[in-house]
Amino acid sequence: MKHPGKGTGLYIEKLPIIITENGVKLSNASEEFANIEDLILHHLYHEGALPCKLALPSEIMAARNIRALQSLAVFEEGKSVGFQNHV
């Protein structure tokens, strides 16, 4: 996770996610969630055990439905393997 930190510049911190008998949790937290989606959703609105709230990229936040999200995933996949649009 990249966040403002306490000093100058950005600070990057690793926060492992632990799988438990009841779901998932951050390694530094006691609160458990049924699944990773619930953990992410919670931390979009609450800091909880994180140093700040999560923020998703604006493209993801602007997606209005699952089809729009899937098109972003396909686009990113194409970029990562070097696909180009040939006309």
C-alpha atoms as a PDB file:
ATOM      1  CA  MET A   1       0.000   0.000   0.000  1.00  0.00           C
ATOM      2  CA  LYS A   2       1.301   3.454  -0.908  1.00  0.00           C
ATOM      3  CA  HIS A   3       0.314   6.228   1.503  1.00  0.00           C
ATOM      4  CA  PRO A   4       1.447   9.682   2.642  1.00  0.00           C
ATOM      5  CA  GLY A   5       3.346   8.341   5.646  1.00  0.00           C
ATOM      6  CA  LYS A   6       4.554  10.487   8.513  1.00  0.00           C
ATOM      7  CA  GLY A   7       7.543  12.150   6.835  1.00  0.00           C
ATOM      8  CA  THR A   8       8.074  13.689   3.424  1.00  0.00           C
ATOM      9  CA  GLY A   9       7.190  11.864   0.238  1.00  0.00           C
ATOM     10  CA  LEU A  10       5.216   8.669  -0.228  1.00  0.00           C
ATOM     11  CA  TYR A  11       5.670   5.658   1.992  1.00  0.00           C
ATOM     12  CA  ILE A  12       5.126   2.060   0.850  1.00  0.00           C
ATOM     13  CA  GLU A  13       4.072  -0.526   3.396  1.00  0.00           C
ATOM     14  CA  LYS A  14       3.297  -4.234   2.982  1.00  0.00           C
ATOM     15  CA  LEU A  15       0.251  -5.449   4.866  1.00  0.00           C
ATOM     16  CA  PRO A  16      -0.189  -9.212   4.383  1.00  0.00           C
ATOM     17  CA  ILE A  17      -3.685 -10.658   4.240  1.00  0.00           C
ATOM     18  CA  ILE A  18      -4.155 -13.754   6.385  1.00  0.00           C
ATOM     19  CA  ILE A  19      -6.662 -16.517   5.563  1.00  0.00           C
ATOM     20  CA  THR A  20      -8.511 -17.593   8.713  1.00  0.00           C
ATOM     21  CA  GLU A  21     -11.151 -20.212   9.513  1.00  0.00           C
ATOM     22  CA  ASN A  22     -13.819 -17.505   9.154  1.00  0.00           C
ATOM     23  CA  GLY A  23     -12.486 -15.599   6.132  1.00  0.00           C
ATOM     24  CA  VAL A  24      -9.628 -13.103   5.778  1.00  0.00           C
ATOM     25  CA  LYS A  25      -7.968 -10.356   7.806  1.00  0.00           C
ATOM     26  CA  LEU A  26      -4.996  -8.032   7.683  1.00  0.00           C
ATOM     27  CA  SER A  27      -1.985  -9.403   9.543  1.00  0.00           C
ATOM     28  CA  ASN A  28      -1.983  -6.459  11.969  1.00  0.00           C
ATOM     29  CA  ALA A  29      -5.743  -6.536  12.700  1.00  0.00           C
ATOM     30  CA  SER A  30      -8.204  -8.574  14.718  1.00  0.00           C
ATOM     31  CA  GLU A  31     -11.252  -7.758  12.551  1.00  0.00           C
ATOM     32  CA  GLU A  32     -12.107 -10.568  10.112  1.00  0.00           C
ATOM     33  CA  PHE A  33     -14.085 -10.396   6.866  1.00  0.00           C
ATOM     34  CA  ALA A  34     -15.972 -13.140   5.034  1.00  0.00           C
ATOM     35  CA  ASN A  35     -13.933 -12.566   1.850  1.00  0.00           C
ATOM     36  CA  ILE A  36     -11.365 -10.275   0.247  1.00  0.00           C
ATOM     37  CA  GLU A  37     -14.071  -8.192  -1.413  1.00  0.00           C
ATOM     38  CA  ASP A  38     -15.603  -7.336   1.980  1.00  0.00           C
ATOM     39  CA  LEU A  39     -12.172  -6.442   3.375  1.00  0.00           C
ATOM     40  CA  ILE A  40     -11.487  -4.071   0.463  1.00  0.00           C
ATOM     41  CA  LEU A  41     -14.947  -2.515   0.578  1.00  0.00           C
ATOM     42  CA  HIS A  42     -14.651  -1.872   4.316  1.00  0.00           C
ATOM     43  CA  HIS A  43     -11.260  -0.177   3.910  1.00  0.00           C
ATOM     44  CA  LEU A  44     -12.505   2.057   1.093  1.00  0.00           C
ATOM     45  CA  TYR A  45     -14.627   3.814   3.729  1.00  0.00           C
ATOM     46  CA  HIS A  46     -12.749   3.181   6.990  1.00  0.00           C
ATOM     47  CA  GLU A  47      -9.050   3.203   7.835  1.00  0.00           C
ATOM     48  CA  GLY A  48      -9.351   0.426  10.381  1.00  0.00           C
ATOM     49  CA  ALA A  49      -5.934  -1.239  10.687  1.00  0.00           C
ATOM     50  CA  LEU A  50      -4.612   0.636   7.638  1.00  0.00           C
ATOM     51  CA  PRO A  51      -2.700   3.927   7.873  1.00  0.00           C
ATOM     52  CA  CYS A  52      -5.296   5.524   5.551  1.00  0.00           C
ATOM     53  CA  LYS A  53      -8.439   4.626   3.586  1.00  0.00           C
ATOM     54  CA  LEU A  54      -7.950   2.667   0.369  1.00  0.00           C
ATOM     55  CA  ALA A  55      -8.378   4.531  -2.906  1.00  0.00           C
ATOM     56  CA  LEU A  56      -9.038   2.698  -6.151  1.00  0.00           C
ATOM     57  CA  PRO A  57      -7.898   4.118  -9.492  1.00  0.00           C
ATOM     58  CA  SER A  58     -10.384   6.598 -10.966  1.00  0.00           C
ATOM     59  CA  GLU A  59     -11.053   4.316 -13.965  1.00  0.00           C
ATOM     60  CA  ILE A  60     -12.292   1.577 -11.649  1.00  0.00           C
ATOM     61  CA  MET A  61     -14.386   3.975  -9.577  1.00  0.00           C
ATOM     62  CA  ALA A  62     -15.976   5.362 -12.774  1.00  0.00           C
ATOM     63  CA  ALA A  63     -17.051   1.904 -13.998  1.00  0.00           C
ATOM     64  CA  ARG A  64     -20.837   1.669 -13.746  1.00  0.00           C
ATOM     65  CA  ASN A  65     -21.226  -2.098 -14.128  1.00  0.00           C
ATOM     66  CA  ILE A  66     -19.374  -5.404 -14.282  1.00  0.00           C
ATOM     67  CA  ARG A  67     -18.978  -5.196 -18.070  1.00  0.00           C
ATOM     68  CA  ALA A  68     -17.098  -1.900 -17.732  1.00  0.00           C
ATOM     69  CA  LEU A  69     -14.814  -3.441 -15.085  1.00  0.00           C
ATOM     70  CA  GLN A  70     -14.186  -6.479 -17.272  1.00  0.00           C
ATOM     71  CA  SER A  71     -13.255  -4.270 -20.231  1.00  0.00           C
ATOM     72  CA  LEU A  72     -10.666  -2.526 -18.032  1.00  0.00           C
ATOM     73  CA  ALA A  73      -9.208  -5.895 -17.068  1.00  0.00           C
ATOM     74  CA  VAL A  74      -8.996  -7.024 -20.714  1.00  0.00           C
ATOM     75  CA  PHE A  75      -7.429  -3.694 -21.717  1.00  0.00           C
ATOM     76  CA  GLU A  76      -4.772  -3.980 -18.983  1.00  0.00           C
ATOM     77  CA  GLU A  77      -4.092  -7.610 -19.919  1.00  0.00           C
ATOM     78  CA  GLY A  78      -3.529  -6.577 -23.538  1.00  0.00           C
ATOM     79  CA  LYS A  79      -1.152  -3.811 -22.496  1.00  0.00           C
ATOM     80  CA  SER A  80       0.899  -6.117 -20.300  1.00  0.00           C
ATOM     81  CA  VAL A  81       1.545  -8.643 -23.082  1.00  0.00           C
ATOM     82  CA  GLY A  82       2.187  -6.002 -25.719  1.00  0.00           C
ATOM     83  CA  PHE A  83      -0.946  -6.297 -27.859  1.00  0.00           C
ATOM     84  CA  GLN A  84      -1.331  -3.473 -30.321  1.00  0.00           C
ATOM     85  CA  ASN A  85      -4.330  -2.364 -32.319  1.00  0.00           C
ATOM     86  CA  HIS A  86      -3.508  -2.859 -36.005  1.00  0.00           C
ATOM     87  CA  VAL A  87      -5.829  -1.179 -38.507  1.00  0.00           C
END
